Amino acid sequence: MSYTVKIMKDMLGFDCESFKPENAAVLAKEQIQCFKKLKEKYS
């Protein structure tokens, strides 16, 4: 697991090491939700 993937998993709860291009939109929405939760936690 790369350092970046580990940070994303530990900080955001987003665990995705690789993906297919056709899944990018769905994963982007999931990642945005993770960032929103992180923002709420520290706001």
PDB file of N, CA and C in Angstrom:
ATOM      1  N   MET A   1       0.865  -1.180   0.000  1.00  0.00           N
ATOM      2  CA  MET A   1       0.000   0.000   0.000  1.00  0.00           C
ATOM      3  C   MET A   1       0.905   1.235   0.000  1.00  0.00           C
ATOM      4  N   SER A   2       0.628   2.155  -0.893  1.00  0.00           N
ATOM      5  CA  SER A   2       1.435   3.370  -0.972  1.00  0.00           C
ATOM      6  C   SER A   2       1.109   4.311   0.189  1.00  0.00           C
ATOM      7  N   TYR A   3       2.020   5.217   0.448  1.00  0.00           N
ATOM      8  CA  TYR A   3       1.841   6.197   1.530  1.00  0.00           C
ATOM      9  C   TYR A   3       0.561   7.004   1.325  1.00  0.00           C
ATOM     10  N   THR A   4       0.322   7.436   0.105  1.00  0.00           N
ATOM     11  CA  THR A   4      -0.866   8.251  -0.194  1.00  0.00           C
ATOM     12  C   THR A   4      -2.144   7.474   0.065  1.00  0.00           C
ATOM     13  N   VAL A   5      -2.195   6.233  -0.364  1.00  0.00           N
ATOM     14  CA  VAL A   5      -3.386   5.401  -0.153  1.00  0.00           C
ATOM     15  C   VAL A   5      -3.608   5.191   1.342  1.00  0.00           C
ATOM     16  N   LYS A   6      -2.520   4.977   2.091  1.00  0.00           N
ATOM     17  CA  LYS A   6      -2.635   4.777   3.536  1.00  0.00           C
ATOM     18  C   LYS A   6      -3.184   6.028   4.219  1.00  0.00           C
ATOM     19  N   ILE A   7      -2.696   7.186   3.836  1.00  0.00           N
ATOM     20  CA  ILE A   7      -3.187   8.452   4.412  1.00  0.00           C
ATOM     21  C   ILE A   7      -4.668   8.627   4.092  1.00  0.00           C
ATOM     22  N   MET A   8      -5.054   8.382   2.843  1.00  0.00           N
ATOM     23  CA  MET A   8      -6.463   8.525   2.456  1.00  0.00           C
ATOM     24  C   MET A   8      -7.341   7.570   3.262  1.00  0.00           C
ATOM     25  N   LYS A   9      -6.858   6.356   3.483  1.00  0.00           N
ATOM     26  CA  LYS A   9      -7.630   5.377   4.248  1.00  0.00           C
ATOM     27  C   LYS A   9      -7.714   5.783   5.718  1.00  0.00           C
ATOM     28  N   ASP A  10      -6.582   6.171   6.301  1.00  0.00           N
ATOM     29  CA  ASP A  10      -6.544   6.515   7.728  1.00  0.00           C
ATOM     30  C   ASP A  10      -7.278   7.819   8.036  1.00  0.00           C
ATOM     31  N   MET A  11      -7.101   8.833   7.212  1.00  0.00           N
ATOM     32  CA  MET A  11      -7.678  10.150   7.488  1.00  0.00           C
ATOM     33  C   MET A  11      -9.117  10.285   7.009  1.00  0.00           C
ATOM     34  N   LEU A  12      -9.399   9.709   5.841  1.00  0.00           N
ATOM     35  CA  LEU A  12     -10.717   9.907   5.230  1.00  0.00           C
ATOM     36  C   LEU A  12     -11.623   8.689   5.303  1.00  0.00           C
ATOM     37  N   GLY A  13     -11.038   7.536   5.505  1.00  0.00           N
ATOM     38  CA  GLY A  13     -11.838   6.318   5.423  1.00  0.00           C
ATOM     39  C   GLY A  13     -12.094   5.922   3.980  1.00  0.00           C
ATOM     40  N   PHE A  14     -11.316   6.483   3.068  1.00  0.00           N
ATOM     41  CA  PHE A  14     -11.459   6.193   1.636  1.00  0.00           C
ATOM     42  C   PHE A  14     -10.378   5.197   1.255  1.00  0.00           C
ATOM     43  N   ASP A  15     -10.775   3.972   0.933  1.00  0.00           N
ATOM     44  CA  ASP A  15      -9.830   2.899   0.656  1.00  0.00           C
ATOM     45  C   ASP A  15      -9.951   2.457  -0.796  1.00  0.00           C
ATOM     46  N   CYS A  16      -9.129   3.055  -1.634  1.00  0.00           N
ATOM     47  CA  CYS A  16      -9.167   2.713  -3.057  1.00  0.00           C
ATOM     48  C   CYS A  16      -7.755   2.853  -3.617  1.00  0.00           C
ATOM     49  N   GLU A  17      -7.105   1.723  -3.830  1.00  0.00           N
ATOM     50  CA  GLU A  17      -5.731   1.747  -4.311  1.00  0.00           C
ATOM     51  C   GLU A  17      -5.674   1.964  -5.830  1.00  0.00           C
ATOM     52  N   SER A  18      -6.625   1.421  -6.542  1.00  0.00           N
ATOM     53  CA  SER A  18      -6.701   1.634  -7.990  1.00  0.00           C
ATOM     54  C   SER A  18      -8.152   1.425  -8.429  1.00  0.00           C
ATOM     55  N   PHE A  19      -8.462   1.926  -9.613  1.00  0.00           N
ATOM     56  CA  PHE A  19      -9.824   1.799 -10.118  1.00  0.00           C
ATOM     57  C   PHE A  19      -9.832   1.870 -11.631  1.00  0.00           C
ATOM     58  N   LYS A  20     -10.929   1.437 -12.201  1.00  0.00           N
ATOM     59  CA  LYS A  20     -11.111   1.510 -13.646  1.00  0.00           C
ATOM     60  C   LYS A  20     -11.673   2.892 -13.990  1.00  0.00           C
ATOM     61  N   PRO A  21     -11.292   3.440 -15.125  1.00  0.00           N
ATOM     62  CA  PRO A  21     -11.771   4.775 -15.501  1.00  0.00           C
ATOM     63  C   PRO A  21     -13.292   4.917 -15.473  1.00  0.00           C
ATOM     64  N   GLU A  22     -13.998   3.869 -15.819  1.00  0.00           N
ATOM     65  CA  GLU A  22     -15.462   3.966 -15.833  1.00  0.00           C
ATOM     66  C   GLU A  22     -16.052   4.096 -14.430  1.00  0.00           C
ATOM     67  N   ASN A  23     -15.263   3.825 -13.399  1.00  0.00           N
ATOM     68  CA  ASN A  23     -15.720   3.974 -12.020  1.00  0.00           C
ATOM     69  C   ASN A  23     -15.315   5.302 -11.391  1.00  0.00           C
ATOM     70  N   ALA A  24     -14.625   6.132 -12.134  1.00  0.00           N
ATOM     71  CA  ALA A  24     -14.069   7.372 -11.588  1.00  0.00           C
ATOM     72  C   ALA A  24     -15.139   8.308 -11.027  1.00  0.00           C
ATOM     73  N   ALA A  25     -16.244   8.482 -11.707  1.00  0.00           N
ATOM     74  CA  ALA A  25     -17.280   9.418 -11.245  1.00  0.00           C
ATOM     75  C   ALA A  25     -17.880   8.979  -9.912  1.00  0.00           C
ATOM     76  N   VAL A  26     -18.160   7.702  -9.785  1.00  0.00           N
ATOM     77  CA  VAL A  26     -18.728   7.178  -8.540  1.00  0.00           C
ATOM     78  C   VAL A  26     -17.728   7.319  -7.401  1.00  0.00           C
ATOM     79  N   LEU A  27     -16.485   6.979  -7.657  1.00  0.00           N
ATOM     80  CA  LEU A  27     -15.453   7.083  -6.618  1.00  0.00           C
ATOM     81  C   LEU A  27     -15.187   8.544  -6.240  1.00  0.00           C
ATOM     82  N   ALA A  28     -15.262   9.433  -7.207  1.00  0.00           N
ATOM     83  CA  ALA A  28     -15.078  10.855  -6.908  1.00  0.00           C
ATOM     84  C   ALA A  28     -16.162  11.352  -5.963  1.00  0.00           C
ATOM     85  N   LYS A  29     -17.395  10.941  -6.186  1.00  0.00           N
ATOM     86  CA  LYS A  29     -18.490  11.339  -5.296  1.00  0.00           C
ATOM     87  C   LYS A  29     -18.286  10.776  -3.891  1.00  0.00           C
ATOM     88  N   GLU A  30     -17.819   9.533  -3.819  1.00  0.00           N
ATOM     89  CA  GLU A  30     -17.548   8.920  -2.517  1.00  0.00           C
ATOM     90  C   GLU A  30     -16.427   9.675  -1.793  1.00  0.00           C
ATOM     91  N   GLN A  31     -15.402  10.029  -2.535  1.00  0.00           N
ATOM     92  CA  GLN A  31     -14.273  10.758  -1.949  1.00  0.00           C
ATOM     93  C   GLN A  31     -14.704  12.145  -1.477  1.00  0.00           C
ATOM     94  N   ILE A  32     -15.546  12.811  -2.218  1.00  0.00           N
ATOM     95  CA  ILE A  32     -16.063  14.126  -1.811  1.00  0.00           C
ATOM     96  C   ILE A  32     -16.810  14.005  -0.498  1.00  0.00           C
ATOM     97  N   GLN A  33     -17.611  12.962  -0.337  1.00  0.00           N
ATOM     98  CA  GLN A  33     -18.339  12.759   0.917  1.00  0.00           C
ATOM     99  C   GLN A  33     -17.369  12.542   2.079  1.00  0.00           C
ATOM    100  N   CYS A  34     -16.298  11.825   1.824  1.00  0.00           N
ATOM    101  CA  CYS A  34     -15.285  11.610   2.866  1.00  0.00           C
ATOM    102  C   CYS A  34     -14.635  12.932   3.270  1.00  0.00           C
ATOM    103  N   PHE A  35     -14.331  13.787   2.299  1.00  0.00           N
ATOM    104  CA  PHE A  35     -13.740  15.091   2.603  1.00  0.00           C
ATOM    105  C   PHE A  35     -14.718  15.976   3.373  1.00  0.00           C
ATOM    106  N   LYS A  36     -15.995  15.891   3.035  1.00  0.00           N
ATOM    107  CA  LYS A  36     -17.000  16.678   3.758  1.00  0.00           C
ATOM    108  C   LYS A  36     -17.082  16.253   5.217  1.00  0.00           C
ATOM    109  N   LYS A  37     -17.023  14.943   5.473  1.00  0.00           N
ATOM    110  CA  LYS A  37     -17.038  14.454   6.852  1.00  0.00           C
ATOM    111  C   LYS A  37     -15.805  14.924   7.611  1.00  0.00           C
ATOM    112  N   LEU A  38     -14.659  14.919   6.947  1.00  0.00           N
ATOM    113  CA  LEU A  38     -13.428  15.389   7.572  1.00  0.00           C
ATOM    114  C   LEU A  38     -13.526  16.883   7.901  1.00  0.00           C
ATOM    115  N   LYS A  39     -14.088  17.640   6.980  1.00  0.00           N
ATOM    116  CA  LYS A  39     -14.266  19.068   7.199  1.00  0.00           C
ATOM    117  C   LYS A  39     -15.173  19.335   8.403  1.00  0.00           C
ATOM    118  N   GLU A  40     -16.275  18.585   8.488  1.00  0.00           N
ATOM    119  CA  GLU A  40     -17.197  18.746   9.613  1.00  0.00           C
ATOM    120  C   GLU A  40     -16.525  18.397  10.941  1.00  0.00           C
ATOM    121  N   LYS A  41     -15.685  17.394  10.890  1.00  0.00           N
ATOM    122  CA  LYS A  41     -14.999  16.949  12.100  1.00  0.00           C
ATOM    123  C   LYS A  41     -14.079  18.041  12.650  1.00  0.00           C
ATOM    124  N   TYR A  42     -13.439  18.805  11.773  1.00  0.00           N
ATOM    125  CA  TYR A  42     -12.461  19.797  12.200  1.00  0.00           C
ATOM    126  C   TYR A  42     -12.947  21.243  12.091  1.00  0.00           C
ATOM    127  N   SER A  43     -14.217  21.435  11.772  1.00  0.00           N
ATOM    128  CA  SER A  43     -14.752  22.801  11.667  1.00  0.00           C
ATOM    129  C   SER A  43     -15.353  23.255  12.974  1.00  0.00           C
TER     130      SER A  43
END
